[in-house]
C-alpha cells in the first residue's frame, strides 16, 4: 500500500476507535439517572416525544423509530416546528426526551422551558451537565464524551454515536421491562423481511395435497419410492391405522439400507422406515422448523395435524431457504 492508502486506513481506524471509546465510557457511566429515565418512560401513559435539532435531531428520529417498533409509543418533533404550532401534538401525559451535545441548542432549550412550565416530565441526553437544557430537565443522561472523532473536535461523531447507543439501551431496556416478545414484535412489523420471518408459519410454506408424499405401511418399498420420486421431495410419510403418521422414509434411509445389503423392494415400507419421526404442525412457526432442520441436519420434516396425527404436508429446507430462513 502507498502512503495515501495507509493514511486512509489510519484515519478510519482512528474514528472507529474514538467512537468505541465513547460508547465504552458511556456504558461504565450508567447510573441511577438511567434507571430513573427508564422507569419514567415505562410508566408513561402517553408517548415519548423525541426532540433535537441538526445531527442530534437525526439521532432523535432514529431513537423514536426504535422505541415505536419495540413497544413504546413515541414520536419525533422538530423543536422549531413545535414552537410554531406543532406544540399541540404534545399531550399532558407524554414524556419529553431531548437531545443536544452541548445542551445549549437555542430552539430545544426554549421548547423545554415551555414544556417544563406545563408540568411535562423532561429527560435530557447531553454532555452539558450545567447547560440550559439540563436546568429544565427532571433526568439528565450525561454522554461523558471527551472529544469528537474528527481532527478538529467539531463534527458530531463520537457524541452522536453515544446518543444512539444510549437511545438503543433505553429501547431494549423498555422491551425487557414490558415483556415485549416476538409475537408483539411481529404484529408491529407485518411488512418487510423481518415481518415475513416472524409471521410465517409452516402452513404457509409446506407442500400439501398432491405435493405431499404419503404411503401406507403395507405399501412396498418400490411403491413408496414412486411416490417419493413423483413429488420430488426425497421422502415419504408412512401411515398406519386411521391414516395416522407412524413413520418416515427418506432417500437417505434407502441409501443406508442398500449399503447394509437390502435389495428386496417388494417388502413393505414399514420394515425400513424410521418410526416415530420428528414432526411439526401447520401452526408451528416457520423459523422453528428451520431451526430444527438445521440442528438435526435433515432435508425436510413431515407436517401432521395436531388433533388427528395425520400427515397434512411436508416442510422442505429448499422452501425455507427461498424465504430467507435456514
Protein backbone atom coordinates (compact mmCIF):
# COMPACT_ATOMS: atom_id res chain seq x y z
CA UNK A 1 0.00 0.00 0.00
CA UNK A 2 1.14 3.54 -0.70
CA UNK A 3 1.23 6.42 1.79
CA UNK A 4 -2.26 7.63 0.87
CA UNK A 5 -3.77 4.18 1.39
CA UNK A 6 -2.10 3.93 4.79
CA UNK A 7 -3.46 7.36 5.72
CA UNK A 8 -6.98 6.27 4.74
CA UNK A 9 -6.85 3.20 6.98
CA UNK A 10 -5.20 5.09 9.84
CA UNK A 11 -7.87 7.78 9.77
CA UNK A 12 -10.76 5.33 9.56
CA UNK A 13 -9.36 3.20 12.39
CA UNK A 14 -8.87 6.28 14.50
CA UNK A 15 -12.50 7.33 14.07
CA UNK A 16 -13.81 3.87 14.92
CA UNK A 17 -11.50 3.65 17.95
CA UNK A 18 -12.62 7.08 19.20
CA UNK A 19 -16.30 6.24 18.83
CA UNK A 20 -15.75 2.87 20.50
CA UNK A 21 -14.18 4.63 23.48
CA UNK A 22 -17.14 6.99 23.67
CA UNK A 23 -19.62 4.10 23.85
CA UNK A 24 -17.46 2.12 26.29
CA UNK A 25 -17.17 5.14 28.57
CA UNK A 26 -20.91 5.67 28.41
CA UNK A 27 -21.52 2.07 29.47
CA UNK A 28 -19.32 2.45 32.54
CA UNK A 29 -21.00 5.74 33.50
CA UNK A 30 -24.58 4.43 33.59
CA UNK A 31 -26.08 5.13 37.00
CA UNK A 32 -29.32 5.86 38.86
CA UNK A 33 -30.23 8.52 36.30
CA UNK A 34 -30.61 5.87 33.61
CA UNK A 35 -32.80 3.80 35.95
CA UNK A 36 -34.96 6.85 36.63
CA UNK A 37 -35.30 7.61 32.91
CA UNK A 38 -36.24 4.01 32.09
CA UNK A 39 -38.82 3.93 34.89
CA UNK A 40 -40.26 7.25 33.78
CA UNK A 41 -40.73 6.02 30.22
CA UNK A 42 -42.06 2.65 31.38
CA UNK A 43 -44.75 4.35 33.46
CA UNK A 44 -45.59 6.96 30.80
CA UNK A 45 -49.33 6.69 29.94
CA UNK A 46 -48.82 8.76 26.82
CA UNK A 47 -45.89 8.75 24.41
CA UNK A 48 -42.21 9.57 24.38
CA UNK A 49 -41.62 12.78 22.43
CA UNK A 50 -38.09 12.90 20.99
CA UNK A 51 -36.64 16.35 20.34
CA UNK A 52 -33.45 17.53 18.66
CA UNK A 53 -32.01 19.81 16.01
CA UNK A 54 -29.41 19.06 13.33
CA UNK A 55 -27.41 15.85 13.81
CA UNK A 56 -28.98 15.39 17.24
CA UNK A 57 -32.36 15.62 15.53
CA UNK A 58 -31.43 12.83 13.14
CA UNK A 59 -30.44 10.61 16.06
CA UNK A 60 -33.65 11.57 17.86
CA UNK A 61 -35.66 10.42 14.82
CA UNK A 62 -33.92 7.06 14.87
CA UNK A 63 -34.45 6.58 18.61
CA UNK A 64 -38.14 7.46 18.21
CA UNK A 65 -38.44 4.87 15.44
CA UNK A 66 -36.68 2.21 17.53
CA UNK A 67 -38.89 2.88 20.54
CA UNK A 68 -42.05 2.74 18.45
CA UNK A 69 -41.03 -0.54 16.82
CA UNK A 70 -40.30 -2.16 20.17
CA UNK A 71 -43.50 -1.39 22.02
CA UNK A 72 -43.01 2.15 23.37
CA UNK A 73 -45.28 4.77 21.82
CA UNK A 74 -43.06 7.56 20.53
CA UNK A 75 -42.80 10.37 18.01
CA UNK A 76 -40.12 12.79 16.84
CA UNK A 77 -40.91 16.51 16.77
CA UNK A 78 -38.64 19.24 15.47
CA UNK A 79 -38.25 21.91 18.17
CA UNK A 80 -38.57 24.76 15.66
CA UNK A 81 -41.80 23.34 14.22
CA UNK A 82 -43.05 22.73 17.77
CA UNK A 83 -42.55 26.40 18.57
CA UNK A 84 -44.64 27.28 15.51
CA UNK A 85 -47.73 25.15 16.02
CA UNK A 86 -46.68 21.53 16.50
CA UNK A 87 -46.67 22.00 20.27
CA UNK A 88 -50.28 20.91 20.08
CA UNK A 89 -49.10 17.39 19.28
CA UNK A 90 -47.61 17.05 22.77
CA UNK A 91 -50.09 15.82 25.40
CA UNK A 92 -50.03 16.31 29.16
CA UNK A 93 -49.31 12.61 29.78
CA UNK A 94 -46.27 12.50 27.47
CA UNK A 95 -42.58 12.46 28.40
CA UNK A 96 -40.12 14.65 26.51
CA UNK A 97 -36.69 13.25 25.60
CA UNK A 98 -34.38 15.99 24.29
CA UNK A 99 -31.00 15.51 22.61
CA UNK A 100 -28.21 18.09 22.36
CA UNK A 101 -24.48 17.54 22.81
CA UNK A 102 -23.88 20.95 24.37
CA UNK A 103 -27.30 21.33 25.94
CA UNK A 104 -27.34 24.91 24.72
CA UNK A 105 -29.20 24.49 21.44
CA UNK A 106 -31.41 27.57 21.42
CA UNK A 107 -34.62 26.11 19.97
CA UNK A 108 -34.51 22.92 22.06
CA UNK A 109 -33.76 24.75 25.31
CA UNK A 110 -36.56 27.26 24.68
CA UNK A 111 -39.04 24.44 24.00
CA UNK A 112 -38.01 22.57 27.16
CA UNK A 113 -38.60 25.70 29.21
CA UNK A 114 -42.18 25.81 27.91
CA UNK A 115 -42.76 22.08 28.44
CA UNK A 116 -41.36 22.24 31.94
CA UNK A 117 -43.66 25.15 32.81
CA UNK A 118 -46.58 22.96 31.67
CA UNK A 119 -45.51 20.18 34.04
CA UNK A 120 -44.27 17.75 31.39
CA UNK A 121 -41.51 15.37 32.57
CA UNK A 122 -38.26 16.01 30.68
CA UNK A 123 -35.30 13.71 30.04
CA UNK A 124 -32.19 15.27 28.52
CA UNK A 125 -29.42 13.40 26.72
CA UNK A 126 -26.49 15.81 26.73
CA UNK A 127 -22.86 16.35 27.60
CA UNK A 128 -23.67 19.68 29.24
CA UNK A 129 -24.42 18.89 32.87
CA UNK A 130 -24.85 22.60 33.71
CA UNK A 131 -26.48 23.62 30.43
CA UNK A 132 -29.80 25.38 29.85
CA UNK A 133 -31.37 22.08 28.79
CA UNK A 134 -30.15 20.41 31.96
CA UNK A 135 -31.77 23.11 34.11
CA UNK A 136 -35.19 22.29 32.65
CA UNK A 137 -34.79 18.52 32.99
CA UNK A 138 -36.08 16.02 35.52
CA UNK A 139 -33.48 13.48 34.45
CA UNK A 140 -30.11 14.13 32.84
CA UNK A 141 -28.41 11.33 30.91
CA UNK A 142 -24.86 12.60 30.50
CA UNK A 143 -22.92 11.43 27.47
CA UNK A 144 -19.44 11.68 29.06
CA UNK A 145 -17.91 12.29 25.61
CA UNK A 146 -14.46 13.89 25.90
CA UNK A 147 -13.93 14.69 22.24
CA UNK A 148 -15.38 14.18 18.79
CA UNK A 149 -13.68 11.76 16.41
CA UNK A 150 -12.91 14.44 13.83
CA UNK A 151 -9.43 16.09 13.94
CA UNK A 152 -10.91 19.49 14.86
CA UNK A 153 -13.24 18.19 17.59
CA UNK A 154 -16.16 19.81 15.78
CA UNK A 155 -18.08 17.34 13.57
CA UNK A 156 -20.70 15.36 15.57
CA UNK A 157 -19.28 11.84 15.52
CA UNK A 158 -18.46 10.35 18.91
CA UNK A 159 -21.28 12.34 20.50
CA UNK A 160 -23.98 11.16 18.07
CA UNK A 161 -22.73 7.57 18.30
CA UNK A 162 -23.04 7.77 22.09
CA UNK A 163 -26.53 9.27 21.79
CA UNK A 164 -27.62 6.46 19.51
CA UNK A 165 -26.20 3.79 21.83
CA UNK A 166 -27.94 5.37 24.81
CA UNK A 167 -31.23 5.51 22.92
CA UNK A 168 -30.90 1.85 21.92
CA UNK A 169 -30.13 0.97 25.54
CA UNK A 170 -33.34 2.69 26.64
CA UNK A 171 -35.41 0.97 23.94
CA UNK A 172 -34.12 -2.53 24.70
CA UNK A 173 -34.41 -1.96 28.45
CA UNK A 174 -38.05 -0.96 27.98
CA UNK A 175 -38.62 -4.07 25.85
CA UNK A 176 -37.38 -6.15 28.77
CA UNK A 177 -39.41 -4.27 31.39
CA UNK A 178 -42.60 -4.55 29.32
CA UNK A 179 -42.10 -8.21 28.39
CA UNK A 180 -42.11 -7.31 24.69
CA UNK A 181 -41.85 -10.67 22.91
CA UNK A 182 -41.51 -11.93 19.33
CA UNK A 183 -45.28 -12.12 18.85
CA UNK A 184 -45.75 -8.44 19.67
CA UNK A 185 -42.74 -7.57 17.54
CA UNK A 186 -44.27 -9.45 14.62
CA UNK A 187 -47.56 -7.54 14.97
CA UNK A 188 -45.67 -4.25 14.67
CA UNK A 189 -43.61 -5.45 11.69
CA UNK A 190 -46.09 -7.03 9.24
CA UNK A 191 -44.18 -5.82 6.20
CA UNK A 192 -40.62 -6.31 5.05
CA UNK A 193 -38.29 -9.22 5.66
CA UNK A 194 -38.49 -9.08 9.46
CA UNK A 195 -42.26 -9.20 9.40
CA UNK A 196 -42.24 -12.07 6.97
CA UNK A 197 -39.81 -14.12 9.05
CA UNK A 198 -41.69 -13.54 12.27
CA UNK A 199 -45.18 -14.13 10.86
CA UNK A 200 -44.65 -17.11 8.56
CA UNK A 201 -45.96 -20.44 9.76
CA UNK A 202 -45.31 -23.94 8.45
CA UNK A 203 -48.79 -23.93 6.87
CA UNK A 204 -47.68 -21.03 4.65
CA UNK A 205 -44.75 -22.94 3.17
CA UNK A 206 -45.46 -26.66 3.44
CA UNK A 207 -46.12 -28.84 0.43
CA UNK A 208 -49.62 -30.26 0.66
CA UNK A 209 -52.20 -32.05 -1.46
CA UNK A 210 -50.62 -33.80 -4.44
CA UNK A 211 -47.21 -32.47 -3.46
CA UNK A 212 -47.40 -34.18 -0.07
CA UNK A 213 -45.79 -37.66 -0.39
CA UNK A 214 -47.71 -40.27 1.64
CA UNK A 215 -47.58 -44.10 1.60
CA UNK A 216 -49.22 -46.77 3.73
CA UNK A 217 -47.27 -49.13 5.97
CA UNK A 218 -48.33 -52.07 3.80
CA UNK A 219 -47.15 -50.46 0.56
CA UNK A 220 -43.98 -51.87 -0.92
CA UNK A 221 -40.70 -50.01 -0.80
CA UNK A 222 -40.90 -49.74 -4.60
CA UNK A 223 -44.33 -48.11 -4.36
CA UNK A 224 -43.08 -45.67 -1.70
CA UNK A 225 -40.15 -44.75 -3.94
CA UNK A 226 -42.56 -44.00 -6.79
CA UNK A 227 -44.45 -41.55 -4.56
CA UNK A 228 -41.17 -40.02 -3.40
CA UNK A 229 -39.99 -39.59 -6.98
CA UNK A 230 -43.29 -38.19 -8.25
CA UNK A 231 -43.29 -35.43 -5.62
CA UNK A 232 -39.54 -34.82 -5.80
CA UNK A 233 -39.50 -34.49 -2.01
CA UNK A 234 -36.82 -37.08 -1.28
CA UNK A 235 -39.00 -38.51 1.48
CA UNK A 236 -42.40 -40.05 2.13
CA UNK A 237 -44.66 -40.03 5.18
CA UNK A 238 -45.88 -43.51 6.16
CA UNK A 239 -49.32 -44.03 7.70
CA UNK A 240 -50.97 -46.80 9.67
CA UNK A 241 -54.46 -47.33 11.03
CA UNK A 242 -56.73 -44.32 10.71
CA UNK A 243 -54.24 -42.59 8.47
CA UNK A 244 -52.05 -41.53 11.39
CA UNK A 245 -48.34 -41.00 10.77
CA UNK A 246 -46.32 -43.95 12.03
CA UNK A 247 -43.04 -43.46 10.18
CA UNK A 248 -40.94 -41.58 7.66
CA UNK A 249 -38.86 -42.98 4.80
CA UNK A 250 -36.22 -40.88 3.04
CA UNK A 251 -33.76 -41.38 0.21
CA UNK A 252 -31.07 -41.28 2.88
CA UNK A 253 -32.73 -44.25 4.62
CA UNK A 254 -32.71 -46.11 1.31
CA UNK A 255 -29.00 -45.50 0.71
CA UNK A 256 -28.15 -46.74 4.19
CA UNK A 257 -30.29 -49.87 3.72
CA UNK A 258 -28.64 -50.61 0.38
CA UNK A 259 -25.22 -50.31 1.99
CA UNK A 260 -26.37 -52.86 4.58
CA UNK A 261 -27.29 -55.31 1.81
CA UNK A 262 -31.01 -54.59 1.47
CA UNK A 263 -32.26 -55.27 -2.07
CA UNK A 264 -35.85 -56.57 -1.97
CA UNK A 265 -38.01 -53.57 -2.97
CA UNK A 266 -41.16 -55.68 -2.77
CA UNK A 267 -41.06 -55.74 1.04
CA UNK A 268 -43.45 -53.42 2.92
CA UNK A 269 -42.02 -49.99 3.62
CA UNK A 270 -42.81 -50.34 7.34
CA UNK A 271 -39.79 -52.65 7.62
CA UNK A 272 -37.34 -49.97 6.55
CA UNK A 273 -38.96 -46.70 7.64
CA UNK A 274 -37.93 -44.60 10.63
CA UNK A 275 -40.58 -44.99 13.31
CA UNK A 276 -41.77 -42.08 15.45
CA UNK A 277 -40.11 -39.37 13.33
CA UNK A 278 -39.71 -35.74 14.23
CA UNK A 279 -42.80 -33.77 13.18
CA UNK A 280 -44.12 -30.22 13.18
CA UNK A 281 -47.67 -28.88 12.94
CA UNK A 282 -49.13 -26.39 10.44
CA UNK A 283 -49.28 -23.77 13.23
CA UNK A 284 -45.57 -24.13 14.03
CA UNK A 285 -43.58 -21.00 13.23
CA UNK A 286 -41.50 -21.41 10.07
CA UNK A 287 -38.46 -20.12 11.95
CA UNK A 288 -38.78 -23.02 14.39
CA UNK A 289 -38.98 -25.54 11.54
CA UNK A 290 -35.86 -24.00 10.01
CA UNK A 291 -34.06 -24.30 13.33
CA UNK A 292 -34.99 -27.98 13.68
CA UNK A 293 -33.88 -28.78 10.14
CA UNK A 294 -30.56 -27.03 10.72
CA UNK A 295 -29.88 -28.62 14.11
CA UNK A 296 -30.86 -32.13 13.04
CA UNK A 297 -29.04 -31.78 9.68
CA UNK A 298 -32.03 -33.10 7.73
CA UNK A 299 -33.68 -32.02 4.48
CA UNK A 300 -37.36 -32.00 5.46
CA UNK A 301 -39.89 -32.74 8.18
CA UNK A 302 -43.39 -34.27 7.92
CA UNK A 303 -46.22 -31.97 8.98
CA UNK A 304 -49.04 -33.57 10.96
CA UNK A 305 -52.44 -32.38 12.09
CA UNK A 306 -52.15 -31.66 15.82
CA UNK A 307 -55.51 -33.30 16.53
CA UNK A 308 -55.59 -36.35 14.26
CA UNK A 309 -51.90 -37.08 13.80
CA UNK A 310 -52.41 -37.45 10.06
CA UNK A 311 -49.72 -36.15 7.67
CA UNK A 312 -51.02 -32.99 6.00
CA UNK A 313 -47.81 -31.80 4.38
CA UNK A 314 -44.05 -31.73 4.29
CA UNK A 315 -41.79 -28.76 5.01
CA UNK A 316 -38.59 -28.77 2.95
CA UNK A 317 -35.31 -26.98 3.53
CA UNK A 318 -35.36 -25.59 -0.02
CA UNK A 319 -38.68 -23.85 0.53
CA UNK A 320 -37.41 -22.33 3.76
CA UNK A 321 -34.25 -21.07 2.07
CA UNK A 322 -36.32 -19.35 -0.62
CA UNK A 323 -37.94 -17.29 2.14
CA UNK A 324 -34.63 -16.39 3.76
CA UNK A 325 -34.94 -18.99 6.51
CA UNK A 326 -32.28 -21.55 7.26
